[in-house]
Amino acid sequence: MKSTFCIRRWNLAQLTFSALLLILLGCSVATVQSKSSAAPYEVNDVHFHLTNYVQQGTDIRDFVKIMGTKVGRVALFGIPLQQTWSYRVDGDRGPTYYLQSDAPLYYYSFTDAWIASAYKSLPKEQEARFDPMITGFNPAEMYAADHIRRVLQTFPGVFSGIGEFTIHKEFVSSKVE
């Protein structure tokens, strides 16, 4: 009985998640088409995490300068996991990377608001070079679809899609609470 219930829950989660993906894809196509840039760049669709495992990173305006005239469009992400700073494990040395500590990681949903705020701080012509993505959720969590919906409602027109997200990653998966 228990295994049947788990399978039904999983199927419901898959259906919900798949439906949200289709909705996002439909919204994304119009957004991506409207953000098209006419400038001839050497590289597009670059993958960049604006935050690290302690939600710090490069200022988005500095990153635009780094992009310069060579990088056109960038898929922009936050890291969805936060490294715990446990005094018991790490003492006075706060880890900045998941391999620097044996303390657990936890899902950090505010990363999406951080990415949206950074993106919205740019002038429109610089916004057009980014495709912000929703990442601050546990993809195996039954409330993941609710998080995605709330982010899209709170920041309309900002996000182009969802991902990158990780179901299993060596060293990371065993640390997630």
Protein backbone atom coordinates (compact mmCIF):
# COMPACT_ATOMS: atom_id res chain seq x y z
CA MET A 1 0.00 0.00 0.00
CA LYS A 2 2.76 2.40 0.90
CA SER A 3 4.60 1.88 -2.40
CA THR A 4 1.38 2.53 -4.37
CA PHE A 5 0.86 5.79 -2.48
CA CYS A 6 4.46 6.87 -3.17
CA ILE A 7 4.07 6.08 -6.86
CA ARG A 8 0.83 8.07 -7.05
CA ARG A 9 2.45 11.03 -5.24
CA TRP A 10 5.42 10.88 -7.57
CA ASN A 11 3.17 10.74 -10.65
CA LEU A 12 1.22 13.76 -9.39
CA ALA A 13 4.48 15.61 -8.77
CA GLN A 14 5.75 14.73 -12.24
CA LEU A 15 2.51 15.87 -13.86
CA THR A 16 2.48 19.15 -11.92
CA PHE A 17 6.11 19.81 -12.69
CA SER A 18 5.65 18.92 -16.38
CA ALA A 19 2.64 21.22 -16.66
CA LEU A 20 4.63 24.07 -15.14
CA LEU A 21 7.48 23.42 -17.55
CA LEU A 22 5.11 23.67 -20.51
CA ILE A 23 3.63 26.92 -19.18
CA LEU A 24 7.09 28.36 -18.61
CA LEU A 25 8.26 27.30 -22.06
CA GLY A 26 5.28 29.03 -23.61
CA CYS A 27 5.99 32.21 -21.65
CA SER A 28 9.72 31.93 -22.29
CA VAL A 29 9.45 31.84 -26.07
CA ALA A 30 7.80 35.25 -26.18
CA THR A 31 10.21 36.66 -23.59
CA VAL A 32 13.30 35.35 -25.35
CA GLN A 33 12.09 36.60 -28.72
CA SER A 34 11.40 40.06 -27.27
CA LYS A 35 14.85 40.17 -25.63
CA SER A 36 16.71 39.41 -28.87
CA SER A 37 19.83 41.45 -29.39
CA ALA A 38 21.00 42.59 -32.82
CA ALA A 39 24.65 43.02 -31.76
CA PRO A 40 27.06 40.50 -33.29
CA TYR A 41 28.72 38.69 -30.38
CA GLU A 42 31.21 35.84 -30.46
CA VAL A 43 29.38 33.72 -27.86
CA ASN A 44 25.76 33.43 -26.68
CA ASP A 45 23.88 31.31 -24.16
CA VAL A 46 26.66 31.35 -21.60
CA HIS A 47 25.92 29.65 -18.27
CA PHE A 48 26.70 31.85 -15.23
CA HIS A 49 25.97 31.61 -11.49
CA LEU A 50 25.80 35.10 -10.02
CA THR A 51 25.96 33.63 -6.50
CA ASN A 52 28.04 30.94 -4.83
CA TYR A 53 27.24 28.48 -2.02
CA VAL A 54 27.04 31.29 0.55
CA GLN A 55 24.96 33.52 -1.75
CA GLN A 56 27.78 35.92 -2.55
CA GLY A 57 29.29 36.67 -5.91
CA THR A 58 30.04 39.10 -8.69
CA ASP A 59 28.01 42.30 -8.91
CA ILE A 60 25.86 42.03 -12.04
CA ARG A 61 27.10 45.40 -13.35
CA ASP A 62 30.69 44.16 -13.07
CA PHE A 63 29.66 40.99 -14.88
CA VAL A 64 28.22 43.04 -17.75
CA LYS A 65 31.64 44.70 -18.06
CA ILE A 66 33.29 41.26 -18.11
CA MET A 67 30.89 40.18 -20.89
CA GLY A 68 32.04 43.19 -22.90
CA THR A 69 31.48 42.91 -26.63
CA LYS A 70 32.31 39.20 -26.87
CA VAL A 71 29.45 37.61 -24.86
CA GLY A 72 25.93 38.38 -26.06
CA ARG A 73 23.37 36.46 -24.00
CA VAL A 74 23.76 34.73 -20.67
CA ALA A 75 21.55 32.25 -18.82
CA LEU A 76 21.73 33.71 -15.31
CA PHE A 77 21.32 31.57 -12.18
CA GLY A 78 21.68 31.69 -8.46
CA ILE A 79 23.00 28.67 -6.61
CA PRO A 80 19.93 27.03 -5.03
CA LEU A 81 21.88 25.63 -2.09
CA GLN A 82 23.35 27.43 0.89
CA GLN A 83 26.34 26.01 2.77
CA THR A 84 25.67 25.86 6.50
CA TRP A 85 28.30 27.54 8.66
CA SER A 86 28.36 25.33 11.72
CA TYR A 87 30.67 26.55 14.46
CA ARG A 88 30.84 22.98 15.74
CA VAL A 89 32.16 21.80 12.36
CA ASP A 90 34.03 24.83 10.99
CA GLY A 91 34.85 27.01 13.98
CA ASP A 92 35.59 30.64 13.09
CA ARG A 93 36.30 29.81 9.45
CA GLY A 94 33.13 30.23 7.42
CA PRO A 95 33.14 27.98 4.34
CA THR A 96 32.44 29.55 0.95
CA TYR A 97 32.30 26.31 -1.02
CA TYR A 98 30.56 23.00 -0.33
CA LEU A 99 33.81 21.04 -0.32
CA GLN A 100 35.27 23.26 2.42
CA SER A 101 32.99 21.89 5.13
CA ASP A 102 31.33 18.72 6.32
CA ALA A 103 28.30 20.76 7.44
CA PRO A 104 25.08 20.24 5.43
CA LEU A 105 23.64 22.28 2.58
CA TYR A 106 20.04 23.49 2.50
CA TYR A 107 17.78 24.86 -0.23
CA TYR A 108 17.83 28.66 -0.29
CA SER A 109 14.77 30.01 -2.08
CA PHE A 110 15.69 33.69 -1.68
CA THR A 111 18.31 33.24 -4.40
CA ASP A 112 15.53 33.79 -6.97
CA ALA A 113 14.59 37.16 -5.45
CA TRP A 114 18.28 38.10 -5.38
CA ILE A 115 18.68 37.27 -9.08
CA ALA A 116 15.48 39.16 -9.97
CA SER A 117 16.61 42.24 -8.03
CA ALA A 118 20.04 42.21 -9.63
CA TYR A 119 18.50 41.82 -13.09
CA LYS A 120 15.97 44.63 -12.52
CA SER A 121 18.80 46.95 -11.40
CA LEU A 122 20.14 47.00 -14.98
CA PRO A 123 19.16 49.35 -17.78
CA LYS A 124 16.78 47.73 -20.32
CA GLU A 125 19.49 47.26 -22.97
CA GLN A 126 21.60 45.29 -20.47
CA GLU A 127 18.59 43.32 -19.19
CA ALA A 128 18.10 42.16 -22.77
CA ARG A 129 21.41 40.25 -22.60
CA PHE A 130 20.25 38.00 -19.74
CA ASP A 131 17.88 35.07 -19.38
CA PRO A 132 17.33 34.76 -15.61
CA MET A 133 16.34 31.28 -14.46
CA ILE A 134 14.44 30.12 -11.35
CA THR A 135 16.60 27.76 -9.29
CA GLY A 136 15.77 28.28 -5.59
CA PHE A 137 13.71 25.17 -4.97
CA ASN A 138 14.10 21.49 -4.26
CA PRO A 139 12.92 19.76 -7.44
CA ALA A 140 11.91 16.66 -5.46
CA GLU A 141 9.72 18.69 -3.06
CA MET A 142 5.97 18.58 -3.57
CA TYR A 143 5.72 22.39 -3.05
CA ALA A 144 8.27 23.16 -5.80
CA ALA A 145 5.51 24.11 -8.24
CA ASP A 146 4.09 26.56 -5.68
CA HIS A 147 7.50 28.21 -5.32
CA ILE A 148 7.83 28.59 -9.09
CA ARG A 149 4.34 30.05 -9.33
CA ARG A 150 5.05 32.56 -6.51
CA VAL A 151 8.32 33.66 -8.12
CA LEU A 152 6.60 34.20 -11.49
CA GLN A 153 3.79 36.19 -9.84
CA THR A 154 6.17 38.28 -7.70
CA PHE A 155 8.59 39.04 -10.54
CA PRO A 156 6.48 39.10 -13.73
CA GLY A 157 8.47 39.24 -16.95
CA VAL A 158 11.83 38.61 -15.26
CA PHE A 159 12.43 34.87 -15.54
CA SER A 160 12.91 33.05 -18.85
CA GLY A 161 12.63 29.55 -17.42
CA ILE A 162 13.65 27.18 -14.65
CA GLY A 163 16.91 25.39 -14.00
CA GLU A 164 19.60 24.49 -13.67
CA PHE A 165 18.67 22.15 -10.88
CA THR A 166 20.33 19.04 -9.62
CA ILE A 167 18.67 15.80 -8.65
CA HIS A 168 21.96 14.07 -7.90
CA LYS A 169 25.48 15.45 -7.82
CA GLU A 170 28.50 13.75 -6.30
CA PHE A 171 29.50 15.28 -2.95
CA VAL A 172 26.45 17.60 -2.98
CA SER A 173 23.56 15.13 -2.73
CA SER A 174 24.83 13.57 0.48
CA LYS A 175 25.09 17.01 2.12
CA VAL A 176 21.56 18.25 1.39
CA GLU A 177 19.28 18.14 4.42
